[in-house]
Protein backbone atom coordinates (compact mmCIF):
# COMPACT_ATOMS: atom_id res chain seq x y z
CA UNK A 1 -79.98 -135.12 143.12
CA UNK A 2 -81.63 -132.07 144.59
CA UNK A 3 -84.74 -130.73 142.98
CA UNK A 4 -84.40 -127.37 141.28
CA UNK A 5 -86.44 -125.79 144.07
CA UNK A 6 -83.83 -127.03 146.56
CA UNK A 7 -80.98 -125.18 144.85
CA UNK A 8 -79.76 -121.88 146.18
CA UNK A 9 -79.98 -118.87 143.84
CA UNK A 10 -76.22 -118.83 143.25
CA UNK A 11 -76.24 -122.46 142.07
CA UNK A 12 -79.23 -121.78 139.84
CA UNK A 13 -77.37 -118.83 138.33
CA UNK A 14 -74.27 -120.96 137.70
CA UNK A 15 -76.33 -123.65 135.97
CA UNK A 16 -78.04 -121.07 133.76
CA UNK A 17 -74.66 -119.50 132.97
CA UNK A 18 -73.19 -122.89 132.00
CA UNK A 19 -76.18 -123.51 129.76
CA UNK A 20 -75.44 -120.22 128.02
CA UNK A 21 -71.75 -121.15 127.71
CA UNK A 22 -72.82 -124.42 126.12
CA UNK A 23 -74.74 -122.50 123.47
CA UNK A 24 -71.68 -120.42 122.62
CA UNK A 25 -69.49 -123.53 122.44
CA UNK A 26 -71.96 -125.09 120.00
CA UNK A 27 -72.01 -121.87 117.97
CA UNK A 28 -68.22 -122.09 117.89
CA UNK A 29 -68.30 -125.53 116.29
CA UNK A 30 -68.64 -128.05 119.11
CA UNK A 31 -71.45 -130.57 119.17
CA UNK A 32 -73.87 -130.30 122.07
CA UNK A 33 -72.40 -133.52 123.54
CA UNK A 34 -68.86 -132.18 123.23
CA UNK A 35 -69.85 -128.90 124.87
CA UNK A 36 -71.63 -130.62 127.74
CA UNK A 37 -68.78 -133.06 128.31
CA UNK A 38 -66.20 -130.27 128.28
CA UNK A 39 -68.16 -128.22 130.80
CA UNK A 40 -68.65 -131.26 133.05
CA UNK A 41 -64.95 -132.19 132.89
CA UNK A 42 -63.81 -128.61 133.52
CA UNK A 43 -66.55 -127.51 135.91
CA UNK A 44 -64.12 -126.10 138.49
CA UNK A 45 -62.48 -123.92 135.84
CA UNK A 46 -65.85 -122.75 134.51
CA UNK A 47 -67.04 -122.06 138.05
CA UNK A 48 -63.98 -119.85 138.58
CA UNK A 49 -64.76 -117.98 135.36
CA UNK A 50 -68.36 -117.50 136.54
CA UNK A 51 -67.23 -116.04 139.84
CA UNK A 52 -64.60 -113.93 138.07
CA UNK A 53 -67.50 -112.26 136.27
CA UNK A 54 -66.90 -113.45 132.72
CA UNK A 55 -69.90 -113.53 130.46
CA UNK A 56 -70.87 -116.88 128.95
CA UNK A 57 -69.54 -115.68 125.60
CA UNK A 58 -66.18 -114.70 127.12
CA UNK A 59 -65.93 -118.06 128.89
CA UNK A 60 -66.67 -119.94 125.67
CA UNK A 61 -63.99 -117.93 123.85
CA UNK A 62 -61.51 -118.86 126.59
CA UNK A 63 -62.48 -122.52 126.25
CA UNK A 64 -62.16 -122.46 122.45
CA UNK A 65 -58.81 -120.66 122.51
């Protein structure tokens, strides 16, 4: 796996965004493991939401809907 310093700024931003989404999923009732697994399994969908400009909170609401 690439070191964090090897990641481009866009990838770093996506990872940070997903981490924020995870927090909102946990706040919505998921366990941390459930949130992480869901993000990993649906990473393409979450990536689309990131590039569509949704906030982490909006993305979590979409995921919990």
